């Protein structure tokens, strides 16, 4: 999974502010931190999805008695 950079089909980076980061060594830090924040965002979204899925599964387990059980027709 590539989080840090996106590429166009011709191979050029889509990040327009790369040159800004290259020009001053001071701002280059934010270029390094940015992929980390992207990764953190992705992880929190994933955790939220997992939490929602777990809630859904636990609700299903509670409802289990109400669900119609499949019958074997053979």
N, C-alpha and C. Protein backbone atom coordinates (compact mmCIF):
# COMPACT_ATOMS: atom_id res chain seq x y z
N UNK A 1 0.84 -1.18 0.00
CA UNK A 1 0.00 0.00 0.00
C UNK A 1 0.88 1.23 0.00
N UNK A 2 0.70 2.11 -0.99
CA UNK A 2 1.52 3.31 -1.07
C UNK A 2 0.71 4.47 -0.50
N UNK A 3 1.22 5.05 0.58
CA UNK A 3 0.50 6.13 1.23
C UNK A 3 1.14 7.47 0.91
N UNK A 4 2.47 7.47 0.79
CA UNK A 4 3.20 8.73 0.75
C UNK A 4 3.04 9.48 -0.57
N UNK A 5 3.12 8.80 -1.70
CA UNK A 5 3.12 9.48 -2.98
C UNK A 5 2.08 8.90 -3.93
N UNK A 6 1.53 9.78 -4.75
CA UNK A 6 0.64 9.32 -5.82
C UNK A 6 1.33 9.67 -7.14
N UNK A 7 1.20 8.81 -8.12
CA UNK A 7 1.84 9.06 -9.40
C UNK A 7 0.79 9.12 -10.51
N UNK A 8 1.03 10.02 -11.48
CA UNK A 8 0.23 10.01 -12.69
C UNK A 8 0.69 8.85 -13.55
N UNK A 9 -0.04 8.58 -14.63
CA UNK A 9 0.35 7.46 -15.49
C UNK A 9 1.70 7.69 -16.16
N UNK A 10 2.08 8.96 -16.38
CA UNK A 10 3.37 9.22 -17.02
C UNK A 10 4.52 9.26 -16.02
N UNK A 11 4.26 9.00 -14.75
CA UNK A 11 5.33 8.87 -13.78
C UNK A 11 5.66 10.14 -13.02
N UNK A 12 5.05 11.28 -13.38
CA UNK A 12 5.34 12.52 -12.66
C UNK A 12 4.55 12.56 -11.36
N UNK A 13 5.19 13.13 -10.34
CA UNK A 13 4.51 13.23 -9.05
C UNK A 13 3.38 14.26 -9.14
N UNK A 14 2.28 13.95 -8.47
CA UNK A 14 1.16 14.89 -8.44
C UNK A 14 1.37 15.99 -7.40
N UNK A 15 2.28 15.75 -6.45
CA UNK A 15 2.46 16.74 -5.39
C UNK A 15 3.10 17.99 -5.96
N UNK A 16 2.31 19.07 -6.04
CA UNK A 16 2.82 20.30 -6.67
C UNK A 16 3.77 21.03 -5.76
N UNK A 17 3.69 20.79 -4.43
CA UNK A 17 4.51 21.55 -3.50
C UNK A 17 5.82 20.86 -3.17
N UNK A 18 6.21 19.85 -3.96
CA UNK A 18 7.51 19.20 -3.74
C UNK A 18 8.66 20.18 -3.86
N UNK A 19 8.59 21.07 -4.87
CA UNK A 19 9.68 22.03 -5.11
C UNK A 19 9.82 22.98 -3.94
N UNK A 20 8.68 23.35 -3.34
CA UNK A 20 8.71 24.21 -2.16
C UNK A 20 9.53 23.57 -1.04
N UNK A 21 9.28 22.26 -0.83
CA UNK A 21 9.96 21.56 0.25
C UNK A 21 11.45 21.40 -0.06
N UNK A 22 11.77 21.22 -1.34
CA UNK A 22 13.16 21.04 -1.71
C UNK A 22 13.93 22.35 -1.55
N UNK A 23 13.27 23.49 -1.79
CA UNK A 23 13.98 24.77 -1.82
C UNK A 23 14.54 25.16 -0.45
N UNK A 24 13.80 24.88 0.63
CA UNK A 24 14.34 25.23 1.94
C UNK A 24 14.42 23.98 2.81
N UNK A 25 15.58 23.81 3.44
CA UNK A 25 15.78 22.65 4.29
C UNK A 25 14.87 22.65 5.52
N UNK A 26 14.39 23.84 5.88
CA UNK A 26 13.53 23.98 7.05
C UNK A 26 12.18 23.32 6.82
N UNK A 27 11.64 23.55 5.63
CA UNK A 27 10.31 23.00 5.32
C UNK A 27 10.36 21.53 4.95
N UNK A 28 11.55 21.00 4.76
CA UNK A 28 11.67 19.62 4.32
C UNK A 28 11.14 18.65 5.38
N UNK A 29 11.16 19.10 6.63
CA UNK A 29 10.62 18.29 7.72
C UNK A 29 9.17 17.94 7.47
N UNK A 30 8.39 18.93 7.03
CA UNK A 30 6.96 18.69 6.82
C UNK A 30 6.72 17.69 5.71
N UNK A 31 7.67 17.60 4.76
CA UNK A 31 7.56 16.60 3.71
C UNK A 31 7.70 15.19 4.28
N UNK A 32 8.50 15.07 5.34
CA UNK A 32 8.68 13.78 5.99
C UNK A 32 7.49 13.46 6.90
N UNK A 33 6.98 14.47 7.57
CA UNK A 33 5.87 14.26 8.51
C UNK A 33 4.56 14.01 7.80
N UNK A 34 4.41 14.56 6.61
CA UNK A 34 3.15 14.45 5.88
C UNK A 34 2.73 13.00 5.61
N UNK A 35 3.64 12.16 5.06
CA UNK A 35 3.25 10.75 4.86
C UNK A 35 2.85 10.07 6.17
N UNK A 36 3.51 10.45 7.28
CA UNK A 36 3.15 9.86 8.57
C UNK A 36 1.74 10.25 8.97
N UNK A 37 1.37 11.51 8.74
CA UNK A 37 0.02 11.94 9.10
C UNK A 37 -1.00 11.26 8.19
N UNK A 38 -0.62 11.07 6.91
CA UNK A 38 -1.50 10.32 6.00
C UNK A 38 -1.73 8.92 6.53
N UNK A 39 -0.63 8.30 6.99
CA UNK A 39 -0.70 6.94 7.51
C UNK A 39 -1.55 6.89 8.78
N UNK A 40 -1.38 7.91 9.64
CA UNK A 40 -2.18 7.97 10.86
C UNK A 40 -3.66 8.13 10.55
N UNK A 41 -3.97 8.97 9.55
CA UNK A 41 -5.37 9.13 9.12
C UNK A 41 -5.94 7.80 8.65
N UNK A 42 -5.16 7.12 7.84
CA UNK A 42 -5.60 5.83 7.30
C UNK A 42 -5.85 4.83 8.42
N UNK A 43 -4.92 4.81 9.39
CA UNK A 43 -5.05 3.88 10.51
C UNK A 43 -6.29 4.19 11.34
N UNK A 44 -6.56 5.47 11.59
CA UNK A 44 -7.73 5.81 12.39
C UNK A 44 -9.01 5.45 11.65
N UNK A 45 -9.02 5.65 10.32
CA UNK A 45 -10.20 5.25 9.53
C UNK A 45 -10.39 3.74 9.59
N UNK A 46 -9.26 3.01 9.50
CA UNK A 46 -9.33 1.56 9.56
C UNK A 46 -9.84 1.11 10.92
N UNK A 47 -9.34 1.76 11.98
CA UNK A 47 -9.79 1.41 13.33
C UNK A 47 -11.27 1.69 13.50
N UNK A 48 -11.74 2.81 12.95
CA UNK A 48 -13.17 3.13 13.02
C UNK A 48 -13.99 2.08 12.29
N UNK A 49 -13.52 1.68 11.11
CA UNK A 49 -14.23 0.65 10.34
C UNK A 49 -14.30 -0.65 11.11
N UNK A 50 -13.17 -1.02 11.74
CA UNK A 50 -13.13 -2.26 12.52
C UNK A 50 -14.09 -2.18 13.71
N UNK A 51 -14.12 -1.02 14.36
CA UNK A 51 -15.01 -0.82 15.50
C UNK A 51 -16.47 -0.98 15.06
N UNK A 52 -16.80 -0.34 13.92
CA UNK A 52 -18.17 -0.45 13.40
C UNK A 52 -18.52 -1.89 13.05
N UNK A 53 -17.56 -2.59 12.46
CA UNK A 53 -17.77 -3.98 12.08
C UNK A 53 -17.99 -4.84 13.32
N UNK A 54 -17.19 -4.59 14.36
CA UNK A 54 -17.35 -5.34 15.61
C UNK A 54 -18.71 -5.08 16.26
N UNK A 55 -19.17 -3.82 16.22
CA UNK A 55 -20.50 -3.50 16.74
C UNK A 55 -21.56 -4.26 15.97
N UNK A 56 -21.41 -4.26 14.65
CA UNK A 56 -22.38 -4.94 13.78
C UNK A 56 -22.42 -6.43 14.10
N UNK A 57 -21.24 -7.03 14.26
CA UNK A 57 -21.17 -8.47 14.56
C UNK A 57 -21.78 -8.78 15.92
N UNK A 58 -21.49 -7.93 16.91
CA UNK A 58 -22.06 -8.18 18.25
C UNK A 58 -23.57 -8.02 18.22
N UNK A 59 -24.07 -7.06 17.44
CA UNK A 59 -25.53 -6.91 17.29
C UNK A 59 -26.14 -8.13 16.63
N UNK A 60 -25.43 -8.66 15.63
CA UNK A 60 -25.90 -9.88 14.96
C UNK A 60 -25.97 -11.04 15.94
N UNK A 61 -24.95 -11.14 16.79
CA UNK A 61 -24.92 -12.22 17.78
C UNK A 61 -26.09 -12.11 18.75
N UNK A 62 -26.42 -10.86 19.14
CA UNK A 62 -27.57 -10.65 20.03
C UNK A 62 -28.87 -11.06 19.35
N UNK A 63 -28.94 -10.79 18.04
CA UNK A 63 -30.16 -11.09 17.29
C UNK A 63 -30.27 -12.56 16.91
N UNK A 64 -29.22 -13.33 17.17
CA UNK A 64 -29.12 -14.69 16.64
C UNK A 64 -30.39 -15.51 16.88
N UNK A 65 -30.98 -15.35 18.05
CA UNK A 65 -32.20 -16.10 18.36
C UNK A 65 -33.35 -15.72 17.44
N UNK A 66 -33.34 -14.47 16.98
CA UNK A 66 -34.44 -13.99 16.14
C UNK A 66 -34.25 -14.36 14.67
N UNK A 67 -33.03 -14.70 14.30
CA UNK A 67 -32.78 -15.03 12.89
C UNK A 67 -33.38 -16.39 12.55
N UNK A 68 -33.83 -16.52 11.32
CA UNK A 68 -34.37 -17.81 10.87
C UNK A 68 -33.22 -18.73 10.56
N UNK A 69 -33.22 -19.89 11.18
CA UNK A 69 -32.11 -20.82 10.95
C UNK A 69 -32.36 -21.58 9.65
N UNK A 70 -31.31 -21.78 8.85
CA UNK A 70 -31.48 -22.51 7.59
C UNK A 70 -31.76 -24.00 7.85
N UNK A 71 -32.60 -24.58 7.04
CA UNK A 71 -32.93 -26.01 7.18
C UNK A 71 -32.19 -26.81 6.11
N UNK A 72 -31.83 -28.00 6.48
CA UNK A 72 -31.22 -28.90 5.51
C UNK A 72 -32.33 -29.63 4.78
N UNK A 73 -32.38 -29.50 3.46
CA UNK A 73 -33.52 -30.04 2.71
C UNK A 73 -33.26 -31.44 2.15
N UNK A 74 -32.10 -32.00 2.46
CA UNK A 74 -31.79 -33.32 1.89
C UNK A 74 -32.34 -34.41 2.79
